[in-house]
C-alpha atoms as a PDB file:
ATOM      1  CA  MET A   1      -0.335  -0.079  -0.222  1.00  0.00           C
ATOM      2  CA  ALA A   2       2.838   2.077   0.931  1.00  0.00           C
ATOM      3  CA  ALA A   3       4.102   2.354  -2.864  1.00  0.00           C
ATOM      4  CA  ALA A   4       1.071   2.688  -4.337  1.00  0.00           C
ATOM      5  CA  ALA A   5       0.622   6.001  -2.163  1.00  0.00           C
ATOM      6  CA  VAL A   6       3.639   7.130  -3.072  1.00  0.00           C
ATOM      7  CA  ARG A   7       3.311   6.949  -6.519  1.00  0.00           C
ATOM      8  CA  ALA A   8      -0.446   8.248  -6.434  1.00  0.00           C
ATOM      9  CA  ALA A   9       0.988  11.184  -4.502  1.00  0.00           C
ATOM     10  CA  GLU A  10       3.673  11.834  -7.887  1.00  0.00           C
ATOM     11  CA  GLU A  11       1.056  11.777  -9.624  1.00  0.00           C
ATOM     12  CA  LEU A  12      -1.314  13.958  -7.870  1.00  0.00           C
ATOM     13  CA  ALA A  13       1.926  16.704  -7.568  1.00  0.00           C
ATOM     14  CA  GLU A  14       2.234  16.436 -10.808  1.00  0.00           C
ATOM     15  CA  ARG A  15      -1.029  16.948 -11.909  1.00  0.00           C
ATOM     16  CA  GLU A  16      -1.803  19.697  -9.376  1.00  0.00           C
ATOM     17  CA  MET A  17       1.523  21.807 -10.181  1.00  0.00           C
ATOM     18  CA  ALA A  18       1.435  21.145 -14.110  1.00  0.00           C
ATOM     19  CA  GLY A  19       1.319  24.829 -15.179  1.00  0.00           C
ATOM     20  CA  ARG A  20       3.151  26.935 -12.571  1.00  0.00           C
ATOM     21  CA  ASP A  21       6.416  28.550 -13.202  1.00  0.00           C
ATOM     22  CA  ALA A  22       9.550  26.402 -12.065  1.00  0.00           C
ATOM     23  CA  SER A  23      10.000  27.596  -8.656  1.00  0.00           C
ATOM     24  CA  HIS A  24       6.946  25.424  -7.322  1.00  0.00           C
ATOM     25  CA  ASP A  25       6.393  23.042 -10.045  1.00  0.00           C
ATOM     26  CA  ALA A  26       6.354  18.955  -9.106  1.00  0.00           C
ATOM     27  CA  ALA A  27       9.768  18.968 -10.263  1.00  0.00           C
ATOM     28  CA  HIS A  28      10.184  21.061  -6.924  1.00  0.00           C
ATOM     29  CA  ALA A  29       8.118  18.348  -4.943  1.00  0.00           C
ATOM     30  CA  LEU A  30      10.177  16.002  -6.511  1.00  0.00           C
ATOM     31  CA  ARG A  31      13.603  17.678  -5.158  1.00  0.00           C
ATOM     32  CA  VAL A  32      12.916  18.284  -1.981  1.00  0.00           C
ATOM     33  CA  ARG A  33      11.192  14.109  -1.794  1.00  0.00           C
ATOM     34  CA  ASP A  34      14.469  13.390  -2.862  1.00  0.00           C
ATOM     35  CA  LEU A  35      16.418  15.276  -0.276  1.00  0.00           C
ATOM     36  CA  ALA A  36      14.119  14.403   2.456  1.00  0.00           C
ATOM     37  CA  LEU A  37      14.399  10.690   2.096  1.00  0.00           C
ATOM     38  CA  SER A  38      18.439  11.487   1.763  1.00  0.00           C
ATOM     39  CA  LEU A  39      18.207  13.631   5.183  1.00  0.00           C
ATOM     40  CA  ALA A  40      15.790  10.639   6.810  1.00  0.00           C
ATOM     41  CA  ALA A  41      18.684   8.380   6.168  1.00  0.00           C
ATOM     42  CA  GLU A  42      21.400  10.965   7.228  1.00  0.00           C
ATOM     43  CA  LEU A  43      19.445  11.129  10.257  1.00  0.00           C
ATOM     44  CA  GLY A  44      18.773   7.195  11.393  1.00  0.00           C
ATOM     45  CA  LEU A  45      14.912   6.336  10.191  1.00  0.00           C
ATOM     46  CA  SER A  46      15.832   3.933   7.029  1.00  0.00           C
ATOM     47  CA  SER A  47      14.818   1.266   9.687  1.00  0.00           C
ATOM     48  CA  SER A  48      11.560   2.942  10.113  1.00  0.00           C
ATOM     49  CA  PRO A  49       9.451   2.694   7.176  1.00  0.00           C
ATOM     50  CA  ASP A  50       5.988   4.021   8.592  1.00  0.00           C
ATOM     51  CA  ARG A  51       7.892   7.034   9.318  1.00  0.00           C
ATOM     52  CA  LEU A  52       9.734   7.335   5.954  1.00  0.00           C
ATOM     53  CA  LEU A  53       6.067   6.862   4.442  1.00  0.00           C
ATOM     54  CA  ILE A  54       5.215  10.007   6.306  1.00  0.00           C
ATOM     55  CA  VAL A  55       8.484  11.965   5.263  1.00  0.00           C
ATOM     56  CA  GLU A  56       7.901  11.430   1.700  1.00  0.00           C
ATOM     57  CA  ILE A  57       4.515  12.135   0.836  1.00  0.00           C
ATOM     58  CA  ALA A  58       4.069  15.598   3.166  1.00  0.00           C
ATOM     59  CA  ALA A  59       6.997  16.171   1.210  1.00  0.00           C
ATOM     60  CA  LEU A  60       5.639  15.620  -2.027  1.00  0.00           C
ATOM     61  CA  LEU A  61       2.318  17.174  -1.277  1.00  0.00           C
ATOM     62  CA  HIS A  62       3.410  20.580   0.513  1.00  0.00           C
ATOM     63  CA  ASP A  63       3.004  22.912  -1.929  1.00  0.00           C
ATOM     64  CA  ILE A  64      -0.106  21.744  -3.258  1.00  0.00           C
ATOM     65  CA  GLY A  65      -2.263  24.487  -1.731  1.00  0.00           C
ATOM     66  CA  ASP A  66       0.216  27.144  -1.262  1.00  0.00           C
ATOM     67  CA  TYR A  67      -1.335  30.231  -0.729  1.00  0.00           C
ATOM     68  CA  LYS A  68       1.399  32.236  -3.475  1.00  0.00           C
ATOM     69  CA  TYR A  69      -0.708  30.149  -6.392  1.00  0.00           C
ATOM     70  CA  THR A  70      -4.642  30.597  -4.731  1.00  0.00           C
ATOM     71  CA  LYS A  71      -6.404  34.004  -5.678  1.00  0.00           C
ATOM     72  CA  ASP A  72      -7.887  34.107  -1.918  1.00  0.00           C
ATOM     73  CA  ASN A  73      -4.102  34.467  -0.955  1.00  0.00           C
ATOM     74  CA  ALA A  74      -4.745  31.517   1.313  1.00  0.00           C
ATOM     75  CA  GLU A  75      -4.165  28.096   2.159  1.00  0.00           C
ATOM     76  CA  ASP A  76      -5.966  25.149   0.333  1.00  0.00           C
ATOM     77  CA  MET A  77      -5.437  21.657   1.842  1.00  0.00           C
ATOM     78  CA  SER A  78      -8.947  20.298   0.830  1.00  0.00           C
ATOM     79  CA  ILE A  79      -7.213  18.519  -1.996  1.00  0.00           C
ATOM     80  CA  VAL A  80      -4.181  16.644  -0.087  1.00  0.00           C
ATOM     81  CA  GLU A  81      -6.705  15.842   2.799  1.00  0.00           C
ATOM     82  CA  ARG A  82      -8.883  14.400   0.535  1.00  0.00           C
ATOM     83  CA  PHE A  83      -6.666  12.580  -1.245  1.00  0.00           C
ATOM     84  CA  LEU A  84      -5.222  11.146   1.528  1.00  0.00           C
ATOM     85  CA  GLU A  85      -8.794   9.405   2.602  1.00  0.00           C
ATOM     86  CA  GLU A  86      -8.806   8.523  -0.652  1.00  0.00           C
ATOM     87  CA  VAL A  87      -5.445   6.635  -0.194  1.00  0.00           C
ATOM     88  CA  GLU A  88      -6.460   5.583   3.105  1.00  0.00           C
ATOM     89  CA  LEU A  89      -3.629   5.821   5.053  1.00  0.00           C
ATOM     90  CA  GLU A  90      -4.165   5.640   8.999  1.00  0.00           C
ATOM     91  CA  GLN A  91      -5.715   8.958  10.161  1.00  0.00           C
ATOM     92  CA  GLY A  92      -2.541   9.368  12.911  1.00  0.00           C
ATOM     93  CA  GLN A  93      -0.140   9.490   9.393  1.00  0.00           C
ATOM     94  CA  ARG A  94      -2.815  11.837   7.767  1.00  0.00           C
ATOM     95  CA  GLU A  95      -2.774  14.248  10.825  1.00  0.00           C
ATOM     96  CA  GLU A  96       0.778  14.130  11.071  1.00  0.00           C
ATOM     97  CA  ILE A  97       1.033  14.977   7.138  1.00  0.00           C
ATOM     98  CA  VAL A  98      -1.603  17.478   7.099  1.00  0.00           C
ATOM     99  CA  ALA A  99      -0.005  19.018  10.285  1.00  0.00           C
ATOM    100  CA  ILE A 100       3.738  19.448   8.160  1.00  0.00           C
ATOM    101  CA  ILE A 101       2.188  20.480   5.651  1.00  0.00           C
ATOM    102  CA  LYS A 102       0.077  23.241   7.414  1.00  0.00           C
ATOM    103  CA  GLY A 103       3.041  24.110  10.108  1.00  0.00           C
ATOM    104  CA  MET A 104       6.417  24.549   7.332  1.00  0.00           C
ATOM    105  CA  GLY A 105       5.944  27.752   5.813  1.00  0.00           C
ATOM    106  CA  PHE A 106       8.473  30.314   6.125  1.00  0.00           C
ATOM    107  CA  LYS A 107       5.383  32.749   6.710  1.00  0.00           C
ATOM    108  CA  ASN A 108       4.739  30.763   9.891  1.00  0.00           C
ATOM    109  CA  GLU A 109       8.137  31.365  11.292  1.00  0.00           C
ATOM    110  CA  VAL A 110       8.865  35.304   9.676  1.00  0.00           C
ATOM    111  CA  SER A 111       6.815  36.278  13.253  1.00  0.00           C
ATOM    112  CA  LYS A 112       8.653  34.055  15.332  1.00  0.00           C
ATOM    113  CA  LYS A 113       5.586  31.910  16.430  1.00  0.00           C
ATOM    114  CA  SER A 114       5.581  28.691  15.790  1.00  0.00           C
ATOM    115  CA  VAL A 115       2.112  27.254  14.485  1.00  0.00           C
ATOM    116  CA  VAL A 116       3.303  23.251  15.117  1.00  0.00           C
ATOM    117  CA  GLU A 117       5.338  21.377  17.707  1.00  0.00           C
ATOM    118  CA  PRO A 118       8.333  19.986  15.526  1.00  0.00           C
ATOM    119  CA  THR A 119       8.797  16.459  15.169  1.00  0.00           C
ATOM    120  CA  LEU A 120      12.037  14.670  13.589  1.00  0.00           C
ATOM    121  CA  GLU A 121       9.630  14.195  10.788  1.00  0.00           C
ATOM    122  CA  PHE A 122       8.482  17.823  10.312  1.00  0.00           C
ATOM    123  CA  ALA A 123      11.959  18.888  10.519  1.00  0.00           C
ATOM    124  CA  ILE A 124      13.086  16.902   7.909  1.00  0.00           C
ATOM    125  CA  VAL A 125      10.298  17.906   5.522  1.00  0.00           C
ATOM    126  CA  GLN A 126      11.070  21.832   6.195  1.00  0.00           C
ATOM    127  CA  ASP A 127      14.830  21.682   5.712  1.00  0.00           C
ATOM    128  CA  ALA A 128      14.509  19.399   2.975  1.00  0.00           C
ATOM    129  CA  ASP A 129      12.200  21.945   0.848  1.00  0.00           C
ATOM    130  CA  ARG A 130      14.481  25.203   2.594  1.00  0.00           C
ATOM    131  CA  LEU A 131      17.777  23.479   1.015  1.00  0.00           C
ATOM    132  CA  ASP A 132      15.809  23.583  -2.095  1.00  0.00           C
ATOM    133  CA  ALA A 133      15.249  27.338  -1.780  1.00  0.00           C
ATOM    134  CA  ILE A 134      18.733  27.954  -1.072  1.00  0.00           C
ATOM    135  CA  GLY A 135      20.485  25.929  -3.384  1.00  0.00           C
ATOM    136  CA  ALA A 136      21.392  26.704  -7.316  1.00  0.00           C
ATOM    137  CA  ILE A 137      19.751  25.084 -10.067  1.00  0.00           C
ATOM    138  CA  GLY A 138      21.897  24.990 -13.307  1.00  0.00           C
ATOM    139  CA  LYS A 139      25.661  25.103 -14.245  1.00  0.00           C
ATOM    140  CA  SER A 140      27.599  27.011 -16.701  1.00  0.00           C
ATOM    141  CA  LYS A 141      31.077  27.920 -17.398  1.00  0.00           C
ATOM    142  CA  CYS A 142      33.711  26.702 -14.807  1.00  0.00           C
ATOM    143  CA  LEU A 143      34.565  30.033 -12.565  1.00  0.00           C
ATOM    144  CA  PRO A 144      37.880  30.025 -10.570  1.00  0.00           C
ATOM    145  CA  THR A 145      36.857  31.201  -7.273  1.00  0.00           C
ATOM    146  CA  TYR A 146      33.936  28.355  -7.289  1.00  0.00           C
ATOM    147  CA  ALA A 147      36.113  25.346  -9.211  1.00  0.00           C
ATOM    148  CA  ASP A 148      35.694  23.545  -6.073  1.00  0.00           C
ATOM    149  CA  MET A 149      32.557  23.808  -4.579  1.00  0.00           C
ATOM    150  CA  GLY A 150      32.762  19.682  -4.136  1.00  0.00           C
ATOM    151  CA  ASN A 151      29.764  19.269  -5.745  1.00  0.00           C
ATOM    152  CA  GLY A 152      31.000  16.173  -8.637  1.00  0.00           C
ATOM    153  CA  LEU A 153      29.579  19.028 -11.403  1.00  0.00           C
ATOM    154  CA  MET A 154      32.305  19.960 -14.028  1.00  0.00           C
ATOM    155  CA  GLY A 155      30.981  23.182 -14.604  1.00  0.00           C
ATOM    156  CA  ILE A 156      29.394  25.994 -12.063  1.00  0.00           C
ATOM    157  CA  LEU A 157      26.411  26.105 -10.046  1.00  0.00           C
ATOM    158  CA  LEU A 158      26.232  29.844 -11.363  1.00  0.00           C
ATOM    159  CA  CYS A 159      22.051  31.522 -10.807  1.00  0.00           C
ATOM    160  CA  ILE A 160      20.164  30.500  -8.067  1.00  0.00           C
ATOM    161  CA  ALA A 161      17.016  29.938 -10.253  1.00  0.00           C
ATOM    162  CA  ARG A 162      14.423  29.491  -8.406  1.00  0.00           C
ATOM    163  CA  CYS A 163      14.085  32.689  -6.774  1.00  0.00           C
ATOM    164  CA  PHE A 164      14.698  34.357 -10.083  1.00  0.00           C
ATOM    165  CA  THR A 165      12.075  32.324 -11.857  1.00  0.00           C
ATOM    166  CA  TYR A 166       9.432  32.926  -9.226  1.00  0.00           C
ATOM    167  CA  GLY A 167       9.905  36.775  -9.532  1.00  0.00           C
ATOM    168  CA  GLY A 168       9.895  37.036 -13.584  1.00  0.00           C
ATOM    169  CA  SER A 169       6.168  34.911 -12.783  1.00  0.00           C
ATOM    170  CA  LYS A 170       5.083  37.814 -10.861  1.00  0.00           C
ATOM    171  CA  LYS A 171       6.877  40.579 -13.054  1.00  0.00           C
ATOM    172  CA  ASN A 172       8.890  41.609 -10.124  1.00  0.00           C
ATOM    173  CA  THR A 173      11.939  43.691 -10.659  1.00  0.00           C
ATOM    174  CA  LEU A 174      15.118  42.078 -10.855  1.00  0.00           C
ATOM    175  CA  HIS A 175      16.570  44.940  -8.688  1.00  0.00           C
ATOM    176  CA  ASP A 176      15.937  48.674  -7.613  1.00  0.00           C
ATOM    177  CA  PRO A 177      18.277  50.576  -5.134  1.00  0.00           C
ATOM    178  CA  LYS A 178      15.948  52.730  -4.523  1.00  0.00           C
ATOM    179  CA  ILE A 179      13.032  49.814  -3.012  1.00  0.00           C
ATOM    180  CA  LEU A 180      14.899  48.251   0.626  1.00  0.00           C
ATOM    181  CA  PRO A 181      14.967  44.621   1.953  1.00  0.00           C
ATOM    182  CA  ARG A 182      11.961  44.805   4.673  1.00  0.00           C
ATOM    183  CA  ASP A 183      13.225  44.593   8.073  1.00  0.00           C
ATOM    184  CA  ASN A 184      10.695  42.772  10.594  1.00  0.00           C
ATOM    185  CA  LEU A 185       8.366  41.142   8.326  1.00  0.00           C
ATOM    186  CA  SER A 186       5.165  40.382   9.426  1.00  0.00           C
ATOM    187  CA  LYS A 187       3.397  36.942   8.397  1.00  0.00           C
ATOM    188  CA  GLU A 188       1.001  39.439   6.598  1.00  0.00           C
ATOM    189  CA  LYS A 189       3.647  41.957   5.370  1.00  0.00           C
ATOM    190  CA  TYR A 190       5.216  38.602   4.024  1.00  0.00           C
ATOM    191  CA  MET A 191       2.475  37.008   2.225  1.00  0.00           C
ATOM    192  CA  SER A 192       0.801  40.091   0.200  1.00  0.00           C
ATOM    193  CA  LYS A 193       0.575  40.168  -3.049  1.00  0.00           C
ATOM    194  CA  ASP A 194       0.155  43.776  -3.414  1.00  0.00           C
ATOM    195  CA  GLU A 195       3.678  45.626  -2.395  1.00  0.00           C
ATOM    196  CA  LYS A 196       5.873  45.812  -4.793  1.00  0.00           C
ATOM    197  CA  GLN A 197       9.141  43.874  -4.515  1.00  0.00           C
ATOM    198  CA  THR A 198      12.645  42.754  -5.953  1.00  0.00           C
ATOM    199  CA  SER A 199      14.065  39.642  -6.440  1.00  0.00           C
ATOM    200  CA  ILE A 200      17.152  40.566  -5.317  1.00  0.00           C
ATOM    201  CA  ASN A 201      15.450  41.857  -1.888  1.00  0.00           C
ATOM    202  CA  HIS A 202      14.151  38.035  -1.346  1.00  0.00           C
ATOM    203  CA  PHE A 203      17.845  37.099  -0.844  1.00  0.00           C
ATOM    204  CA  HIS A 204      18.550  39.320   2.009  1.00  0.00           C
ATOM    205  CA  GLU A 205      14.127  38.870   3.178  1.00  0.00           C
ATOM    206  CA  LYS A 206      14.518  35.119   3.787  1.00  0.00           C
ATOM    207  CA  LEU A 207      16.601  33.324   1.652  1.00  0.00           C
ATOM    208  CA  PHE A 208      19.986  34.813   4.124  1.00  0.00           C
ATOM    209  CA  LYS A 209      17.761  33.343   6.756  1.00  0.00           C
ATOM    210  CA  LEU A 210      16.992  30.061   6.576  1.00  0.00           C
ATOM    211  CA  LYS A 211      20.324  28.531   7.242  1.00  0.00           C
ATOM    212  CA  ASP A 212      20.385  29.257  10.705  1.00  0.00           C
ATOM    213  CA  MET A 213      16.414  28.365  10.756  1.00  0.00           C
ATOM    214  CA  MET A 214      17.389  24.698   9.456  1.00  0.00           C
ATOM    215  CA  LYS A 215      16.072  22.208  12.844  1.00  0.00           C
ATOM    216  CA  THR A 216      18.125  19.122  11.684  1.00  0.00           C
ATOM    217  CA  GLU A 217      22.345  18.634  12.016  1.00  0.00           C
ATOM    218  CA  ALA A 218      21.930  17.117   8.757  1.00  0.00           C
ATOM    219  CA  GLY A 219      20.095  20.361   7.487  1.00  0.00           C
ATOM    220  CA  LYS A 220      22.287  22.611   8.519  1.00  0.00           C
ATOM    221  CA  LYS A 221      25.634  21.042   7.121  1.00  0.00           C
ATOM    222  CA  ARG A 222      24.223  20.735   3.978  1.00  0.00           C
ATOM    223  CA  ALA A 223      22.981  24.585   4.264  1.00  0.00           C
ATOM    224  CA  GLU A 224      26.412  25.751   5.296  1.00  0.00           C
ATOM    225  CA  LYS A 225      27.637  25.465   1.686  1.00  0.00           C
ATOM    226  CA  ARG A 226      24.758  26.599  -0.353  1.00  0.00           C
ATOM    227  CA  HIS A 227      24.428  29.847   1.874  1.00  0.00           C
ATOM    228  CA  LYS A 228      28.244  30.320   1.425  1.00  0.00           C
ATOM    229  CA  PHE A 229      27.116  30.094  -2.858  1.00  0.00           C
ATOM    230  CA  MET A 230      24.370  32.225  -2.328  1.00  0.00           C
ATOM    231  CA  GLU A 231      26.419  34.867  -0.314  1.00  0.00           C
ATOM    232  CA  ASP A 232      29.534  35.356  -3.102  1.00  0.00           C
ATOM    233  CA  PHE A 233      26.578  35.359  -6.024  1.00  0.00           C
ATOM    234  CA  VAL A 234      24.878  38.672  -3.910  1.00  0.00           C
ATOM    235  CA  ALA A 235      28.321  39.980  -3.947  1.00  0.00           C
ATOM    236  CA  GLU A 236      29.283  39.800  -7.386  1.00  0.00           C
ATOM    237  CA  PHE A 237      25.515  40.399  -8.204  1.00  0.00           C
ATOM    238  CA  TYR A 238      26.013  44.230  -6.588  1.00  0.00           C
ATOM    239  CA  GLU A 239      29.682  44.469  -8.333  1.00  0.00           C
ATOM    240  CA  GLU A 240      28.101  43.721 -11.414  1.00  0.00           C
ATOM    241  CA  TRP A 241      25.306  45.735 -11.412  1.00  0.00           C
ATOM    242  CA  SER A 242      27.655  49.181 -10.342  1.00  0.00           C
ATOM    243  CA  GLY A 243      30.030  48.336 -12.722  1.00  0.00           C
ATOM    244  CA  ARG A 244      32.736  47.708 -10.932  1.00  0.00           C
ATOM    245  CA  ALA A 245      33.040  44.023 -11.845  1.00  0.00           C
END
């Protein structure tokens, strides 16, 4: 039953997330699932198939009802809840998956008020999602300063693809020095679709904060390298923007 439920969750993600921009499409859900399973193995959950199932299903479905893609700017868990009943998961499993998805978003911690008591499964899925947010997708010509990142790629991971993909889909400005990053964001301010923002400010408002918000030791370790890459990327961006590089 577990294998069938996972496959059904993959199909649901592919169906419901089709047509979205590449920052929150089905490929993102699959990457988060793979990251979550990798973290789970590193943290010793490989011998617990019931717990791994919770991690995998939650990771695959975590963005199905994302407020960023709803008309009323509100989370919609109805599709996920209906799916979990249809695949006949145990009630406890259903409740934990829903709790993970409802509580894992950055918006729930932006005001330093967690909405859920984090379990290990919760921490793993949340860390996996945040690692995908601060990773760089894509490769280009090798630059000497990044030639030894230890990631096994012959080329260099050049762009923080998801940030700019999402910003472009929302017609956000790439960068405007007159628009400063917002400090001490409230949940409502962070979720607002009305306020004019820039893609580069997203690094300051969210992405640079994620390293210190990781909840598992495995997540923290992986976040260090990704965070350093982002810092260097943004520093180079400003150098090029100003004409100094």
